[in-house]
């Protein structure tokens, strides 16, 4: 069985000083979200439309 390792990335708005950062990863067919300070902790998986709606609401 071939398991791909997710490529987690921080927002370009995140500073390099730590703090509260969320990382995202493309997980077919979902998007994964996690706390950058706890990479081995729980992850939230949402559909792409839900993620798009979340981003739209955050930017509003």
PDB file of N, CA and C in Angstrom:
ATOM      1  N   UNK A   1       0.848  -1.178   0.000  1.00  0.00           N
ATOM      2  CA  UNK A   1       0.000   0.000   0.000  1.00  0.00           C
ATOM      3  C   UNK A   1       0.894   1.242   0.000  1.00  0.00           C
ATOM      4  N   UNK A   2       0.616   2.184  -0.874  1.00  0.00           N
ATOM      5  CA  UNK A   2       1.426   3.393  -1.026  1.00  0.00           C
ATOM      6  C   UNK A   2       0.764   4.561  -0.300  1.00  0.00           C
ATOM      7  N   UNK A   3       1.386   5.035   0.762  1.00  0.00           N
ATOM      8  CA  UNK A   3       0.853   6.179   1.516  1.00  0.00           C
ATOM      9  C   UNK A   3       1.717   7.395   1.242  1.00  0.00           C
ATOM     10  N   UNK A   4       1.099   8.456   0.782  1.00  0.00           N
ATOM     11  CA  UNK A   4       1.813   9.697   0.553  1.00  0.00           C
ATOM     12  C   UNK A   4       1.876  10.495   1.844  1.00  0.00           C
ATOM     13  N   UNK A   5       3.008  11.108   2.105  1.00  0.00           N
ATOM     14  CA  UNK A   5       3.175  11.949   3.285  1.00  0.00           C
ATOM     15  C   UNK A   5       2.644  13.344   2.950  1.00  0.00           C
ATOM     16  N   UNK A   6       1.701  13.862   3.736  1.00  0.00           N
ATOM     17  CA  UNK A   6       1.162  15.195   3.451  1.00  0.00           C
ATOM     18  C   UNK A   6       2.254  16.261   3.531  1.00  0.00           C
ATOM     19  N   UNK A   7       2.174  17.236   2.655  1.00  0.00           N
ATOM     20  CA  UNK A   7       3.093  18.371   2.660  1.00  0.00           C
ATOM     21  C   UNK A   7       2.387  19.533   3.355  1.00  0.00           C
ATOM     22  N   UNK A   8       2.653  19.701   4.651  1.00  0.00           N
ATOM     23  CA  UNK A   8       2.033  20.762   5.431  1.00  0.00           C
ATOM     24  C   UNK A   8       2.731  22.084   5.147  1.00  0.00           C
ATOM     25  N   UNK A   9       1.954  23.165   5.098  1.00  0.00           N
ATOM     26  CA  UNK A   9       2.544  24.490   4.871  1.00  0.00           C
ATOM     27  C   UNK A   9       1.809  25.539   5.684  1.00  0.00           C
ATOM     28  N   UNK A  10       2.568  26.558   6.076  1.00  0.00           N
ATOM     29  CA  UNK A  10       1.993  27.683   6.826  1.00  0.00           C
ATOM     30  C   UNK A  10       1.580  28.771   5.848  1.00  0.00           C
ATOM     31  N   UNK A  11       0.714  29.614   6.304  1.00  0.00           N
ATOM     32  CA  UNK A  11       0.307  30.771   5.529  1.00  0.00           C
ATOM     33  C   UNK A  11       1.493  31.697   5.325  1.00  0.00           C
ATOM     34  N   UNK A  12       1.503  32.391   4.227  1.00  0.00           N
ATOM     35  CA  UNK A  12       2.540  33.401   3.989  1.00  0.00           C
ATOM     36  C   UNK A  12       2.381  34.573   4.949  1.00  0.00           C
ATOM     37  N   UNK A  13       1.229  34.665   5.615  1.00  0.00           N
ATOM     38  CA  UNK A  13       1.008  35.716   6.603  1.00  0.00           C
ATOM     39  C   UNK A  13       1.610  35.367   7.961  1.00  0.00           C
ATOM     40  N   UNK A  14       2.039  34.121   8.144  1.00  0.00           N
ATOM     41  CA  UNK A  14       2.627  33.698   9.415  1.00  0.00           C
ATOM     42  C   UNK A  14       4.035  34.243   9.547  1.00  0.00           C
ATOM     43  N   UNK A  15       4.381  34.631  10.753  1.00  0.00           N
ATOM     44  CA  UNK A  15       5.749  35.099  10.997  1.00  0.00           C
ATOM     45  C   UNK A  15       6.610  33.913  11.377  1.00  0.00           C
ATOM     46  N   UNK A  16       7.904  34.081  11.366  1.00  0.00           N
ATOM     47  CA  UNK A  16       8.819  33.037  11.764  1.00  0.00           C
ATOM     48  C   UNK A  16       9.069  33.012  13.259  1.00  0.00           C
ATOM     49  N   UNK A  17       8.306  33.779  14.007  1.00  0.00           N
ATOM     50  CA  UNK A  17       8.522  33.922  15.442  1.00  0.00           C
ATOM     51  C   UNK A  17       7.683  32.968  16.280  1.00  0.00           C
ATOM     52  N   UNK A  18       7.021  31.995  15.663  1.00  0.00           N
ATOM     53  CA  UNK A  18       6.168  31.085  16.420  1.00  0.00           C
ATOM     54  C   UNK A  18       4.796  31.687  16.615  1.00  0.00           C
ATOM     55  N   UNK A  19       4.179  31.398  17.734  1.00  0.00           N
ATOM     56  CA  UNK A  19       2.851  31.926  17.986  1.00  0.00           C
ATOM     57  C   UNK A  19       1.785  31.013  17.427  1.00  0.00           C
ATOM     58  N   UNK A  20       0.623  31.579  17.184  1.00  0.00           N
ATOM     59  CA  UNK A  20      -0.516  30.801  16.725  1.00  0.00           C
ATOM     60  C   UNK A  20      -0.513  30.702  15.210  1.00  0.00           C
ATOM     61  N   UNK A  21      -0.132  29.548  14.699  1.00  0.00           N
ATOM     62  CA  UNK A  21      -0.103  29.325  13.257  1.00  0.00           C
ATOM     63  C   UNK A  21      -0.893  28.069  12.923  1.00  0.00           C
ATOM     64  N   UNK A  22      -1.599  28.136  11.837  1.00  0.00           N
ATOM     65  CA  UNK A  22      -2.322  26.983  11.317  1.00  0.00           C
ATOM     66  C   UNK A  22      -1.604  26.545  10.055  1.00  0.00           C
ATOM     67  N   UNK A  23      -1.443  25.247   9.912  1.00  0.00           N
ATOM     68  CA  UNK A  23      -0.855  24.691   8.705  1.00  0.00           C
ATOM     69  C   UNK A  23      -1.935  23.951   7.929  1.00  0.00           C
ATOM     70  N   UNK A  24      -1.798  23.938   6.611  1.00  0.00           N
ATOM     71  CA  UNK A  24      -2.744  23.233   5.753  1.00  0.00           C
ATOM     72  C   UNK A  24      -1.996  22.245   4.878  1.00  0.00           C
ATOM     73  N   UNK A  25      -2.709  21.212   4.441  1.00  0.00           N
ATOM     74  CA  UNK A  25      -2.146  20.229   3.522  1.00  0.00           C
ATOM     75  C   UNK A  25      -3.256  19.739   2.606  1.00  0.00           C
ATOM     76  N   UNK A  26      -2.897  19.498   1.354  1.00  0.00           N
ATOM     77  CA  UNK A  26      -3.846  18.907   0.411  1.00  0.00           C
ATOM     78  C   UNK A  26      -3.886  17.405   0.666  1.00  0.00           C
ATOM     79  N   UNK A  27      -5.041  16.920   1.073  1.00  0.00           N
ATOM     80  CA  UNK A  27      -5.257  15.504   1.337  1.00  0.00           C
ATOM     81  C   UNK A  27      -6.408  15.057   0.438  1.00  0.00           C
ATOM     82  N   UNK A  28      -6.098  14.360  -0.628  1.00  0.00           N
ATOM     83  CA  UNK A  28      -7.142  13.986  -1.581  1.00  0.00           C
ATOM     84  C   UNK A  28      -8.215  13.165  -0.898  1.00  0.00           C
ATOM     85  N   UNK A  29      -9.471  13.509  -0.970  1.00  0.00           N
ATOM     86  CA  UNK A  29     -10.018  14.693  -1.641  1.00  0.00           C
ATOM     87  C   UNK A  29     -10.255  15.857  -0.682  1.00  0.00           C
ATOM     88  N   UNK A  30      -9.634  15.843   0.490  1.00  0.00           N
ATOM     89  CA  UNK A  30      -9.902  16.848   1.516  1.00  0.00           C
ATOM     90  C   UNK A  30      -8.740  17.816   1.695  1.00  0.00           C
ATOM     91  N   UNK A  31      -8.947  18.758   2.605  1.00  0.00           N
ATOM     92  CA  UNK A  31      -7.897  19.677   3.044  1.00  0.00           C
ATOM     93  C   UNK A  31      -7.703  19.423   4.535  1.00  0.00           C
ATOM     94  N   UNK A  32      -6.450  19.285   4.936  1.00  0.00           N
ATOM     95  CA  UNK A  32      -6.147  19.070   6.345  1.00  0.00           C
ATOM     96  C   UNK A  32      -5.702  20.357   7.006  1.00  0.00           C
ATOM     97  N   UNK A  33      -6.078  20.536   8.255  1.00  0.00           N
ATOM     98  CA  UNK A  33      -5.677  21.694   9.052  1.00  0.00           C
ATOM     99  C   UNK A  33      -5.095  21.175  10.355  1.00  0.00           C
ATOM    100  N   UNK A  34      -4.012  21.815  10.825  1.00  0.00           N
ATOM    101  CA  UNK A  34      -3.421  21.426  12.106  1.00  0.00           C
ATOM    102  C   UNK A  34      -2.743  22.615  12.756  1.00  0.00           C
ATOM    103  N   UNK A  35      -2.498  22.499  14.045  1.00  0.00           N
ATOM    104  CA  UNK A  35      -1.792  23.505  14.829  1.00  0.00           C
ATOM    105  C   UNK A  35      -0.294  23.297  14.601  1.00  0.00           C
ATOM    106  N   UNK A  36       0.398  24.323  14.154  1.00  0.00           N
ATOM    107  CA  UNK A  36       1.830  24.177  13.862  1.00  0.00           C
ATOM    108  C   UNK A  36       2.654  23.881  15.109  1.00  0.00           C
ATOM    109  N   UNK A  37       2.132  24.246  16.283  1.00  0.00           N
ATOM    110  CA  UNK A  37       2.866  23.983  17.528  1.00  0.00           C
ATOM    111  C   UNK A  37       2.687  22.543  17.997  1.00  0.00           C
ATOM    112  N   UNK A  38       1.728  21.825  17.421  1.00  0.00           N
ATOM    113  CA  UNK A  38       1.434  20.448  17.818  1.00  0.00           C
ATOM    114  C   UNK A  38       1.227  19.589  16.570  1.00  0.00           C
ATOM    115  N   UNK A  39       2.279  19.406  15.765  1.00  0.00           N
ATOM    116  CA  UNK A  39       2.119  18.700  14.492  1.00  0.00           C
ATOM    117  C   UNK A  39       1.683  17.244  14.633  1.00  0.00           C
ATOM    118  N   UNK A  40       1.933  16.634  15.775  1.00  0.00           N
ATOM    119  CA  UNK A  40       1.507  15.252  15.982  1.00  0.00           C
ATOM    120  C   UNK A  40       0.142  15.157  16.651  1.00  0.00           C
ATOM    121  N   UNK A  41      -0.443  16.303  16.954  1.00  0.00           N
ATOM    122  CA  UNK A  41      -1.747  16.345  17.603  1.00  0.00           C
ATOM    123  C   UNK A  41      -2.865  16.111  16.599  1.00  0.00           C
ATOM    124  N   UNK A  42      -4.084  16.406  17.003  1.00  0.00           N
ATOM    125  CA  UNK A  42      -5.237  16.163  16.126  1.00  0.00           C
ATOM    126  C   UNK A  42      -5.222  17.060  14.894  1.00  0.00           C
ATOM    127  N   UNK A  43      -5.766  16.535  13.818  1.00  0.00           N
ATOM    128  CA  UNK A  43      -5.902  17.261  12.565  1.00  0.00           C
ATOM    129  C   UNK A  43      -7.380  17.371  12.226  1.00  0.00           C
ATOM    130  N   UNK A  44      -7.750  18.454  11.625  1.00  0.00           N
ATOM    131  CA  UNK A  44      -9.109  18.646  11.145  1.00  0.00           C
ATOM    132  C   UNK A  44      -9.097  18.436   9.640  1.00  0.00           C
ATOM    133  N   UNK A  45      -9.990  17.611   9.132  1.00  0.00           N
ATOM    134  CA  UNK A  45     -10.113  17.384   7.693  1.00  0.00           C
ATOM    135  C   UNK A  45     -11.451  17.941   7.238  1.00  0.00           C
ATOM    136  N   UNK A  46     -11.430  18.781   6.197  1.00  0.00           N
ATOM    137  CA  UNK A  46     -12.653  19.363   5.644  1.00  0.00           C
ATOM    138  C   UNK A  46     -12.634  19.202   4.136  1.00  0.00           C
ATOM    139  N   UNK A  47     -13.819  19.242   3.539  1.00  0.00           N
ATOM    140  CA  UNK A  47     -13.897  19.170   2.083  1.00  0.00           C
ATOM    141  C   UNK A  47     -13.374  20.474   1.481  1.00  0.00           C
ATOM    142  N   UNK A  48     -13.030  20.421   0.235  1.00  0.00           N
ATOM    143  CA  UNK A  48     -12.532  21.635  -0.436  1.00  0.00           C
ATOM    144  C   UNK A  48     -13.569  22.759  -0.466  1.00  0.00           C
ATOM    145  N   UNK A  49     -14.852  22.469  -0.731  1.00  0.00           N
ATOM    146  CA  UNK A  49     -15.841  23.555  -0.678  1.00  0.00           C
ATOM    147  C   UNK A  49     -15.966  24.172   0.717  1.00  0.00           C
ATOM    148  N   UNK A  50     -15.894  23.362   1.755  1.00  0.00           N
ATOM    149  CA  UNK A  50     -15.971  23.899   3.117  1.00  0.00           C
ATOM    150  C   UNK A  50     -14.746  24.759   3.399  1.00  0.00           C
ATOM    151  N   UNK A  51     -13.576  24.333   2.962  1.00  0.00           N
ATOM    152  CA  UNK A  51     -12.357  25.113   3.159  1.00  0.00           C
ATOM    153  C   UNK A  51     -12.445  26.443   2.405  1.00  0.00           C
ATOM    154  N   UNK A  52     -12.950  26.407   1.179  1.00  0.00           N
ATOM    155  CA  UNK A  52     -13.114  27.647   0.403  1.00  0.00           C
ATOM    156  C   UNK A  52     -14.065  28.607   1.112  1.00  0.00           C
ATOM    157  N   UNK A  53     -15.147  28.082   1.679  1.00  0.00           N
ATOM    158  CA  UNK A  53     -16.101  28.921   2.415  1.00  0.00           C
ATOM    159  C   UNK A  53     -15.445  29.504   3.660  1.00  0.00           C
ATOM    160  N   UNK A  54     -14.658  28.706   4.374  1.00  0.00           N
ATOM    161  CA  UNK A  54     -13.942  29.181   5.552  1.00  0.00           C
ATOM    162  C   UNK A  54     -13.015  30.345   5.189  1.00  0.00           C
ATOM    163  N   UNK A  55     -12.245  30.174   4.114  1.00  0.00           N
ATOM    164  CA  UNK A  55     -11.338  31.247   3.687  1.00  0.00           C
ATOM    165  C   UNK A  55     -12.106  32.510   3.299  1.00  0.00           C
ATOM    166  N   UNK A  56     -13.217  32.341   2.591  1.00  0.00           N
ATOM    167  CA  UNK A  56     -14.013  33.489   2.188  1.00  0.00           C
ATOM    168  C   UNK A  56     -14.537  34.250   3.405  1.00  0.00           C
ATOM    169  N   UNK A  57     -14.980  33.522   4.428  1.00  0.00           N
ATOM    170  CA  UNK A  57     -15.501  34.175   5.632  1.00  0.00           C
ATOM    171  C   UNK A  57     -14.384  34.862   6.418  1.00  0.00           C
ATOM    172  N   UNK A  58     -13.207  34.256   6.443  1.00  0.00           N
ATOM    173  CA  UNK A  58     -12.084  34.877   7.149  1.00  0.00           C
ATOM    174  C   UNK A  58     -11.612  36.160   6.467  1.00  0.00           C
ATOM    175  N   UNK A  59     -11.710  36.200   5.153  1.00  0.00           N
ATOM    176  CA  UNK A  59     -11.250  37.357   4.402  1.00  0.00           C
ATOM    177  C   UNK A  59     -12.291  38.478   4.405  1.00  0.00           C
ATOM    178  N   UNK A  60     -13.538  38.167   4.730  1.00  0.00           N
ATOM    179  CA  UNK A  60     -14.628  39.170   4.680  1.00  0.00           C
ATOM    180  C   UNK A  60     -14.485  40.199   5.786  1.00  0.00           C
TER     181      UNK A  60
END
